[in-house]
C-alpha atoms as a PDB file:
ATOM      1  CA  MET A   1      64.854 -31.843 -71.027  1.00  0.00           C
ATOM      2  CA  VAL A   2      65.224 -28.955 -68.594  1.00  0.00           C
ATOM      3  CA  GLU A   3      68.607 -29.848 -67.153  1.00  0.00           C
ATOM      4  CA  SER A   4      70.223 -29.329 -70.577  1.00  0.00           C
ATOM      5  CA  PHE A   5      69.218 -25.666 -70.672  1.00  0.00           C
ATOM      6  CA  ARG A   6      72.065 -23.207 -70.310  1.00  0.00           C
ATOM      7  CA  SER A   7      70.342 -19.834 -70.398  1.00  0.00           C
ATOM      8  CA  ARG A   8      68.650 -18.582 -67.231  1.00  0.00           C
ATOM      9  CA  LEU A   9      66.307 -16.376 -69.253  1.00  0.00           C
ATOM     10  CA  ILE A  10      62.612 -17.044 -69.890  1.00  0.00           C
ATOM     11  CA  ILE A  11      60.721 -14.509 -71.994  1.00  0.00           C
ATOM     12  CA  ALA A  12      57.131 -13.635 -71.120  1.00  0.00           C
ATOM     13  CA  LEU A  13      55.139 -13.130 -74.306  1.00  0.00           C
ATOM     14  CA  ASP A  14      52.493 -10.631 -73.182  1.00  0.00           C
ATOM     15  CA  PRO A  15      51.226  -8.722 -76.245  1.00  0.00           C
ATOM     16  CA  PRO A  16      50.920  -4.930 -76.060  1.00  0.00           C
ATOM     17  CA  ALA A  17      47.431  -3.478 -75.726  1.00  0.00           C
ATOM     18  CA  GLY A  18      45.911  -2.546 -79.043  1.00  0.00           C
ATOM     19  CA  ILE A  19      48.201  -4.629 -81.219  1.00  0.00           C
ATOM     20  CA  GLY A  20      46.312  -6.064 -84.176  1.00  0.00           C
ATOM     21  CA  ASP A  21      48.339  -9.190 -84.830  1.00  0.00           C
ATOM     22  CA  SER A  22      49.381 -10.764 -81.534  1.00  0.00           C
ATOM     23  CA  LEU A  23      50.484 -13.980 -83.227  1.00  0.00           C
ATOM     24  CA  GLY A  24      52.742 -12.165 -85.688  1.00  0.00           C
ATOM     25  CA  TRP A  25      54.187 -10.081 -82.864  1.00  0.00           C
ATOM     26  CA  ALA A  26      54.997 -13.193 -80.826  1.00  0.00           C
ATOM     27  CA  LEU A  27      56.423 -15.115 -83.782  1.00  0.00           C
ATOM     28  CA  ARG A  28      58.807 -12.273 -84.571  1.00  0.00           C
ATOM     29  CA  ILE A  29      60.154 -12.205 -81.010  1.00  0.00           C
ATOM     30  CA  VAL A  30      60.493 -15.998 -80.871  1.00  0.00           C
ATOM     31  CA  ASN A  31      62.325 -16.098 -84.186  1.00  0.00           C
ATOM     32  CA  GLU A  32      64.773 -13.444 -82.975  1.00  0.00           C
ATOM     33  CA  THR A  33      65.448 -14.932 -79.528  1.00  0.00           C
ATOM     34  CA  LYS A  34      64.815 -18.680 -79.439  1.00  0.00           C
ATOM     35  CA  ASP A  35      68.504 -19.580 -79.549  1.00  0.00           C
ATOM     36  CA  LEU A  36      69.139 -17.366 -76.513  1.00  0.00           C
ATOM     37  CA  VAL A  37      66.561 -18.525 -73.971  1.00  0.00           C
ATOM     38  CA  THR A  38      65.446 -21.480 -71.879  1.00  0.00           C
ATOM     39  CA  GLY A  39      61.879 -20.936 -72.987  1.00  0.00           C
ATOM     40  CA  TYR A  40      58.794 -18.769 -73.076  1.00  0.00           C
ATOM     41  CA  GLU A  41      55.872 -18.024 -70.811  1.00  0.00           C
ATOM     42  CA  LEU A  42      52.447 -17.330 -72.312  1.00  0.00           C
ATOM     43  CA  GLY A  43      49.775 -15.819 -70.115  1.00  0.00           C
ATOM     44  CA  LEU A  44      46.050 -15.618 -70.727  1.00  0.00           C
ATOM     45  CA  PRO A  45      46.308 -12.398 -72.806  1.00  0.00           C
ATOM     46  CA  MET A  46      48.510 -14.155 -75.379  1.00  0.00           C
ATOM     47  CA  ILE A  47      46.524 -17.389 -75.273  1.00  0.00           C
ATOM     48  CA  ILE A  48      43.209 -15.591 -75.749  1.00  0.00           C
ATOM     49  CA  ARG A  49      44.443 -13.192 -78.417  1.00  0.00           C
ATOM     50  CA  SER A  50      46.389 -15.701 -80.498  1.00  0.00           C
ATOM     51  CA  GLY A  51      43.394 -16.486 -82.702  1.00  0.00           C
ATOM     52  CA  GLY A  52      42.792 -20.072 -81.619  1.00  0.00           C
ATOM     53  CA  LEU A  53      44.535 -23.307 -80.719  1.00  0.00           C
ATOM     54  CA  ASN A  54      45.886 -23.849 -84.224  1.00  0.00           C
ATOM     55  CA  ASN A  55      47.704 -20.529 -84.096  1.00  0.00           C
ATOM     56  CA  LEU A  56      49.020 -21.306 -80.631  1.00  0.00           C
ATOM     57  CA  ALA A  57      50.267 -24.685 -81.839  1.00  0.00           C
ATOM     58  CA  ARG A  58      52.128 -22.938 -84.661  1.00  0.00           C
ATOM     59  CA  LEU A  59      53.757 -20.545 -82.207  1.00  0.00           C
ATOM     60  CA  LEU A  60      54.788 -23.317 -79.817  1.00  0.00           C
ATOM     61  CA  ASP A  61      56.141 -25.476 -82.622  1.00  0.00           C
ATOM     62  CA  ASN A  62      58.235 -22.555 -83.834  1.00  0.00           C
ATOM     63  CA  MET A  63      59.983 -22.373 -80.448  1.00  0.00           C
ATOM     64  CA  GLY A  64      61.580 -25.792 -80.924  1.00  0.00           C
ATOM     65  CA  ASP A  65      61.116 -29.103 -79.148  1.00  0.00           C
ATOM     66  CA  GLU A  66      63.682 -28.503 -76.412  1.00  0.00           C
ATOM     67  CA  LYS A  67      62.245 -25.249 -75.058  1.00  0.00           C
ATOM     68  CA  LEU A  68      60.255 -24.733 -71.902  1.00  0.00           C
ATOM     69  CA  LYS A  69      56.761 -23.667 -72.980  1.00  0.00           C
ATOM     70  CA  ILE A  70      54.896 -22.390 -69.953  1.00  0.00           C
ATOM     71  CA  ALA A  71      51.150 -21.783 -69.923  1.00  0.00           C
ATOM     72  CA  ASP A  72      50.996 -19.151 -67.208  1.00  0.00           C
ATOM     73  CA  ILE A  73      47.297 -19.580 -66.494  1.00  0.00           C
ATOM     74  CA  LYS A  74      47.634 -19.694 -62.693  1.00  0.00           C
ATOM     75  CA  LEU A  75      45.292 -22.623 -62.170  1.00  0.00           C
ATOM     76  CA  ALA A  76      43.255 -22.422 -58.965  1.00  0.00           C
ATOM     77  CA  ASP A  77      40.347 -24.872 -58.988  1.00  0.00           C
ATOM     78  CA  ILE A  78      39.417 -28.413 -58.058  1.00  0.00           C
ATOM     79  CA  ASN A  79      41.381 -31.203 -59.712  1.00  0.00           C
ATOM     80  CA  ASP A  80      38.912 -32.179 -62.445  1.00  0.00           C
ATOM     81  CA  MET A  81      38.362 -28.623 -63.632  1.00  0.00           C
ATOM     82  CA  MET A  82      42.073 -27.887 -63.831  1.00  0.00           C
ATOM     83  CA  ILE A  83      42.777 -31.057 -65.790  1.00  0.00           C
ATOM     84  CA  LEU A  84      39.923 -30.362 -68.206  1.00  0.00           C
ATOM     85  CA  SER A  85      41.299 -26.857 -68.722  1.00  0.00           C
ATOM     86  CA  ILE A  86      44.804 -27.929 -69.647  1.00  0.00           C
ATOM     87  CA  GLU A  87      44.144 -31.046 -71.739  1.00  0.00           C
ATOM     88  CA  PRO A  88      43.842 -29.113 -75.033  1.00  0.00           C
ATOM     89  CA  LEU A  89      46.897 -27.016 -74.160  1.00  0.00           C
ATOM     90  CA  ILE A  90      49.025 -30.110 -73.601  1.00  0.00           C
ATOM     91  CA  ASP A  91      47.810 -31.491 -76.912  1.00  0.00           C
ATOM     92  CA  ILE A  92      49.163 -28.463 -78.805  1.00  0.00           C
ATOM     93  CA  GLY A  93      52.573 -28.445 -77.149  1.00  0.00           C
ATOM     94  CA  PHE A  94      52.641 -26.688 -73.777  1.00  0.00           C
ATOM     95  CA  ASN A  95      54.949 -28.591 -71.429  1.00  0.00           C
ATOM     96  CA  ALA A  96      54.663 -26.618 -68.188  1.00  0.00           C
ATOM     97  CA  PHE A  97      51.795 -25.015 -66.260  1.00  0.00           C
ATOM     98  CA  THR A  98      51.552 -22.577 -63.368  1.00  0.00           C
ATOM     99  CA  ALA A  99      49.121 -23.234 -60.540  1.00  0.00           C
ATOM    100  CA  HIS A 100      48.338 -21.620 -57.209  1.00  0.00           C
ATOM    101  CA  SER A 101      49.468 -23.738 -54.286  1.00  0.00           C
ATOM    102  CA  PHE A 102      46.871 -22.167 -51.976  1.00  0.00           C
ATOM    103  CA  ILE A 103      44.225 -24.525 -53.418  1.00  0.00           C
ATOM    104  CA  GLY A 104      45.731 -27.250 -51.242  1.00  0.00           C
ATOM    105  CA  TYR A 105      46.918 -30.790 -51.753  1.00  0.00           C
ATOM    106  CA  ASP A 106      44.024 -33.264 -51.525  1.00  0.00           C
ATOM    107  CA  GLY A 107      41.691 -32.948 -54.496  1.00  0.00           C
ATOM    108  CA  GLY A 108      43.724 -30.059 -55.796  1.00  0.00           C
ATOM    109  CA  LEU A 109      47.425 -29.724 -56.524  1.00  0.00           C
ATOM    110  CA  ARG A 110      48.280 -33.389 -55.910  1.00  0.00           C
ATOM    111  CA  ASP A 111      46.042 -34.649 -58.715  1.00  0.00           C
ATOM    112  CA  LEU A 112      47.203 -31.914 -61.061  1.00  0.00           C
ATOM    113  CA  GLY A 113      50.820 -32.850 -60.370  1.00  0.00           C
ATOM    114  CA  GLU A 114      50.135 -36.540 -60.973  1.00  0.00           C
ATOM    115  CA  TYR A 115      48.337 -35.797 -64.241  1.00  0.00           C
ATOM    116  CA  LEU A 116      51.146 -33.576 -65.511  1.00  0.00           C
ATOM    117  CA  SER A 117      53.725 -36.201 -64.581  1.00  0.00           C
ATOM    118  CA  ARG A 118      51.872 -38.778 -66.683  1.00  0.00           C
ATOM    119  CA  LYS A 119      51.902 -36.308 -69.573  1.00  0.00           C
ATOM    120  CA  ASN A 120      55.627 -35.535 -69.196  1.00  0.00           C
ATOM    121  CA  ALA A 121      54.784 -31.938 -68.367  1.00  0.00           C
ATOM    122  CA  LEU A 122      55.956 -29.795 -65.460  1.00  0.00           C
ATOM    123  CA  LEU A 123      54.071 -28.275 -62.552  1.00  0.00           C
ATOM    124  CA  ILE A 124      55.224 -24.810 -61.517  1.00  0.00           C
ATOM    125  CA  SER A 125      53.598 -23.703 -58.274  1.00  0.00           C
ATOM    126  CA  ILE A 126      53.112 -20.118 -57.196  1.00  0.00           C
ATOM    127  CA  VAL A 127      54.234 -19.515 -53.608  1.00  0.00           C
ATOM    128  CA  SER A 128      54.580 -15.728 -53.766  1.00  0.00           C
ATOM    129  CA  MET A 129      53.793 -12.956 -56.245  1.00  0.00           C
ATOM    130  CA  SER A 130      55.544  -9.839 -57.490  1.00  0.00           C
ATOM    131  CA  HIS A 131      52.786  -7.265 -56.900  1.00  0.00           C
ATOM    132  CA  ARG A 132      52.405  -5.325 -53.640  1.00  0.00           C
ATOM    133  CA  GLY A 133      49.378  -7.329 -52.562  1.00  0.00           C
ATOM    134  CA  GLY A 134      51.529 -10.442 -52.408  1.00  0.00           C
ATOM    135  CA  VAL A 135      52.621  -9.497 -48.899  1.00  0.00           C
ATOM    136  CA  GLU A 136      49.040  -9.647 -47.605  1.00  0.00           C
ATOM    137  CA  LEU A 137      48.752 -13.443 -47.662  1.00  0.00           C
ATOM    138  CA  PHE A 138      51.407 -15.314 -49.653  1.00  0.00           C
ATOM    139  CA  ASP A 139      54.413 -14.229 -47.652  1.00  0.00           C
ATOM    140  CA  LYS A 140      52.749 -15.019 -44.328  1.00  0.00           C
ATOM    141  CA  VAL A 141      52.188 -18.684 -45.211  1.00  0.00           C
ATOM    142  CA  MET A 142      54.951 -19.345 -47.711  1.00  0.00           C
ATOM    143  CA  ASP A 143      56.358 -22.296 -45.740  1.00  0.00           C
ATOM    144  CA  ARG A 144      53.020 -24.096 -45.954  1.00  0.00           C
ATOM    145  CA  LEU A 145      52.608 -23.256 -49.641  1.00  0.00           C
ATOM    146  CA  VAL A 146      56.052 -24.669 -50.373  1.00  0.00           C
ATOM    147  CA  ASP A 147      55.221 -27.888 -48.512  1.00  0.00           C
ATOM    148  CA  ILE A 148      52.044 -28.341 -50.564  1.00  0.00           C
ATOM    149  CA  SER A 149      53.942 -27.644 -53.769  1.00  0.00           C
ATOM    150  CA  ILE A 150      56.732 -30.113 -53.090  1.00  0.00           C
ATOM    151  CA  ARG A 151      54.351 -32.877 -51.993  1.00  0.00           C
ATOM    152  CA  SER A 152      52.468 -32.350 -55.255  1.00  0.00           C
ATOM    153  CA  GLY A 153      55.560 -32.948 -57.369  1.00  0.00           C
ATOM    154  CA  SER A 154      56.310 -29.379 -58.429  1.00  0.00           C
ATOM    155  CA  TRP A 155      59.355 -28.942 -60.631  1.00  0.00           C
ATOM    156  CA  GLY A 156      59.561 -25.245 -59.860  1.00  0.00           C
ATOM    157  CA  LEU A 157      58.291 -22.506 -57.583  1.00  0.00           C
ATOM    158  CA  VAL A 158      57.400 -18.946 -58.563  1.00  0.00           C
ATOM    159  CA  ALA A 159      58.658 -16.171 -56.272  1.00  0.00           C
ATOM    160  CA  PRO A 160      59.161 -12.462 -57.004  1.00  0.00           C
ATOM    161  CA  ALA A 161      62.266 -10.731 -58.294  1.00  0.00           C
ATOM    162  CA  THR A 162      60.773  -7.562 -56.805  1.00  0.00           C
ATOM    163  CA  ARG A 163      61.306  -8.827 -53.233  1.00  0.00           C
ATOM    164  CA  PRO A 164      64.797 -10.360 -53.054  1.00  0.00           C
ATOM    165  CA  TRP A 165      64.478 -11.222 -49.355  1.00  0.00           C
ATOM    166  CA  ILE A 166      61.647 -13.605 -50.290  1.00  0.00           C
ATOM    167  CA  LEU A 167      63.923 -15.323 -52.804  1.00  0.00           C
ATOM    168  CA  ARG A 168      66.632 -15.688 -50.159  1.00  0.00           C
ATOM    169  CA  GLN A 169      64.121 -17.040 -47.651  1.00  0.00           C
ATOM    170  CA  LEU A 170      62.795 -19.528 -50.185  1.00  0.00           C
ATOM    171  CA  ARG A 171      66.276 -20.686 -51.196  1.00  0.00           C
ATOM    172  CA  ARG A 172      67.218 -21.233 -47.528  1.00  0.00           C
ATOM    173  CA  LEU A 173      64.032 -23.208 -46.978  1.00  0.00           C
ATOM    174  CA  LEU A 174      64.739 -25.495 -49.937  1.00  0.00           C
ATOM    175  CA  GLU A 175      68.333 -25.988 -48.830  1.00  0.00           C
ATOM    176  CA  GLU A 176      67.375 -26.802 -45.236  1.00  0.00           C
ATOM    177  CA  ARG A 177      64.835 -29.414 -46.311  1.00  0.00           C
ATOM    178  CA  GLY A 178      67.042 -31.069 -48.908  1.00  0.00           C
ATOM    179  CA  TRP A 179      65.066 -29.826 -51.889  1.00  0.00           C
ATOM    180  CA  ARG A 180      67.955 -28.368 -53.857  1.00  0.00           C
ATOM    181  CA  TYR A 181      66.610 -29.872 -57.080  1.00  0.00           C
ATOM    182  CA  ILE A 182      63.534 -27.598 -57.027  1.00  0.00           C
ATOM    183  CA  LYS A 183      63.842 -24.623 -59.358  1.00  0.00           C
ATOM    184  CA  ILE A 184      62.980 -21.048 -58.393  1.00  0.00           C
ATOM    185  CA  ILE A 185      61.503 -18.956 -61.196  1.00  0.00           C
ATOM    186  CA  ALA A 186      61.402 -15.202 -60.622  1.00  0.00           C
ATOM    187  CA  PRO A 187      59.080 -12.820 -62.516  1.00  0.00           C
ATOM    188  CA  GLY A 188      58.963  -9.057 -62.075  1.00  0.00           C
ATOM    189  CA  ILE A 189      62.129  -8.110 -63.995  1.00  0.00           C
ATOM    190  CA  GLY A 190      62.020  -4.755 -65.744  1.00  0.00           C
ATOM    191  CA  ALA A 191      58.648  -3.035 -65.771  1.00  0.00           C
ATOM    192  CA  GLN A 192      57.788  -4.131 -62.219  1.00  0.00           C
ATOM    193  CA  GLY A 193      61.100  -2.942 -60.836  1.00  0.00           C
ATOM    194  CA  GLY A 194      63.362  -6.003 -60.637  1.00  0.00           C
ATOM    195  CA  LEU A 195      66.799  -5.637 -62.207  1.00  0.00           C
ATOM    196  CA  PRO A 196      68.176  -8.320 -64.535  1.00  0.00           C
ATOM    197  CA  GLY A 197      70.462 -10.638 -62.629  1.00  0.00           C
ATOM    198  CA  GLU A 198      69.392  -9.585 -59.135  1.00  0.00           C
ATOM    199  CA  ALA A 199      67.041 -12.557 -58.743  1.00  0.00           C
ATOM    200  CA  LEU A 200      69.865 -14.959 -59.644  1.00  0.00           C
ATOM    201  CA  LYS A 201      72.064 -13.311 -57.013  1.00  0.00           C
ATOM    202  CA  ASN A 202      69.373 -13.886 -54.404  1.00  0.00           C
ATOM    203  CA  GLY A 203      68.617 -17.534 -55.079  1.00  0.00           C
ATOM    204  CA  ALA A 204      66.549 -17.829 -58.261  1.00  0.00           C
ATOM    205  CA  ASP A 205      67.426 -20.305 -61.014  1.00  0.00           C
ATOM    206  CA  PHE A 206      65.588 -18.516 -63.832  1.00  0.00           C
ATOM    207  CA  GLU A 207      64.394 -14.985 -64.450  1.00  0.00           C
ATOM    208  CA  ILE A 208      61.224 -14.207 -66.382  1.00  0.00           C
ATOM    209  CA  VAL A 209      61.589 -11.054 -68.456  1.00  0.00           C
ATOM    210  CA  GLY A 210      58.753  -9.597 -70.495  1.00  0.00           C
ATOM    211  CA  ARG A 211      58.378  -5.989 -71.540  1.00  0.00           C
ATOM    212  CA  LEU A 212      62.045  -5.147 -71.034  1.00  0.00           C
ATOM    213  CA  ILE A 213      62.700  -7.385 -74.059  1.00  0.00           C
ATOM    214  CA  THR A 214      59.404  -7.563 -75.928  1.00  0.00           C
ATOM    215  CA  ARG A 215      58.829  -3.768 -76.015  1.00  0.00           C
ATOM    216  CA  ASN A 216      62.400  -3.109 -77.038  1.00  0.00           C
ATOM    217  CA  SER A 217      63.004  -2.128 -80.653  1.00  0.00           C
ATOM    218  CA  PHE A 218      65.789  -4.711 -80.752  1.00  0.00           C
ATOM    219  CA  PRO A 219      64.617  -7.682 -78.639  1.00  0.00           C
ATOM    220  CA  ARG A 220      67.493  -9.927 -79.653  1.00  0.00           C
ATOM    221  CA  ARG A 221      70.059  -7.349 -78.618  1.00  0.00           C
ATOM    222  CA  LYS A 222      68.364  -6.914 -75.252  1.00  0.00           C
ATOM    223  CA  ALA A 223      68.186 -10.677 -74.676  1.00  0.00           C
ATOM    224  CA  LEU A 224      71.893 -10.966 -75.489  1.00  0.00           C
ATOM    225  CA  GLU A 225      72.644  -8.182 -73.034  1.00  0.00           C
ATOM    226  CA  ILE A 226      70.685  -9.901 -70.246  1.00  0.00           C
ATOM    227  CA  ASN A 227      72.311 -13.260 -70.975  1.00  0.00           C
ATOM    228  CA  SER A 228      75.716 -11.604 -70.718  1.00  0.00           C
ATOM    229  CA  MET A 229      74.780 -10.138 -67.338  1.00  0.00           C
ATOM    230  CA  HIS A 230      73.576 -13.541 -66.180  1.00  0.00           C
ATOM    231  CA  LYS A 231      76.793 -15.251 -67.237  1.00  0.00           C
ATOM    232  CA  ASN A 232      78.900 -12.785 -65.301  1.00  0.00           C
ATOM    233  CA  ILE A 233      76.749 -13.208 -62.200  1.00  0.00           C
ATOM    234  CA  LEU A 234      76.775 -17.003 -62.407  1.00  0.00           C
ATOM    235  CA  LYS A 235      80.577 -16.962 -62.273  1.00  0.00           C
ATOM    236  CA  THR A 236      80.414 -15.471 -58.799  1.00  0.00           C
ATOM    237  CA  ILE A 237      77.715 -17.513 -57.070  1.00  0.00           C
ATOM    238  CA  GLU A 238      77.714 -20.952 -55.494  1.00  0.00           C
ATOM    239  CA  SER A 239      77.852 -24.203 -57.422  1.00  0.00           C
ATOM    240  CA  TRP A 240      74.299 -25.293 -56.509  1.00  0.00           C
ATOM    241  CA  ARG A 241      73.116 -23.011 -59.289  1.00  0.00           C
END
């Protein structure tokens, strides 16, 4: 599924504050951009404000079967509670889930990874974050967080576009340990300060872009512009991409 994707762009569907029809807002953006992206990321604001699981199912179905549909709910609990939380989301079409690797392996991320594998869904583990507080803990133990994530069967790792040296460090770590197949997904493009394409230059495989596209009056045009930037950058970087 994922290896056939060509775009390096994932759109974060975070609805603006005060919008009355979050579902309609998201459907419009998906309809305008779904041929341009690898997939979409839906955080808790979109999931909560969609109006229920039936509405969410409609939104996910509209994206198309081949798209990455990430529930960015940042799971951080014991195994049973995490699995109970995501069962209904898998049933309506989500095929990837973010989880915090700091919960550990035994009784935590390992069992989540095994469950998702049985469901043909992907585990995306968070090993660093894009806000300033990320330096207080994540960056100091990133090696250990990566080890936990890989042992748990993670398909991808989340690291910030806002701190390119972290992306470079993470890419070197994966290369040194023979984990070239692991994807790096970088949020923080646009409103948080990351520039489109910079994360790809520094080792990321995909960039997550939200408000830079979704708050634009012409989201399709902006997505096309970012894809064009990505294509030009990909021509200049190494073949492991």
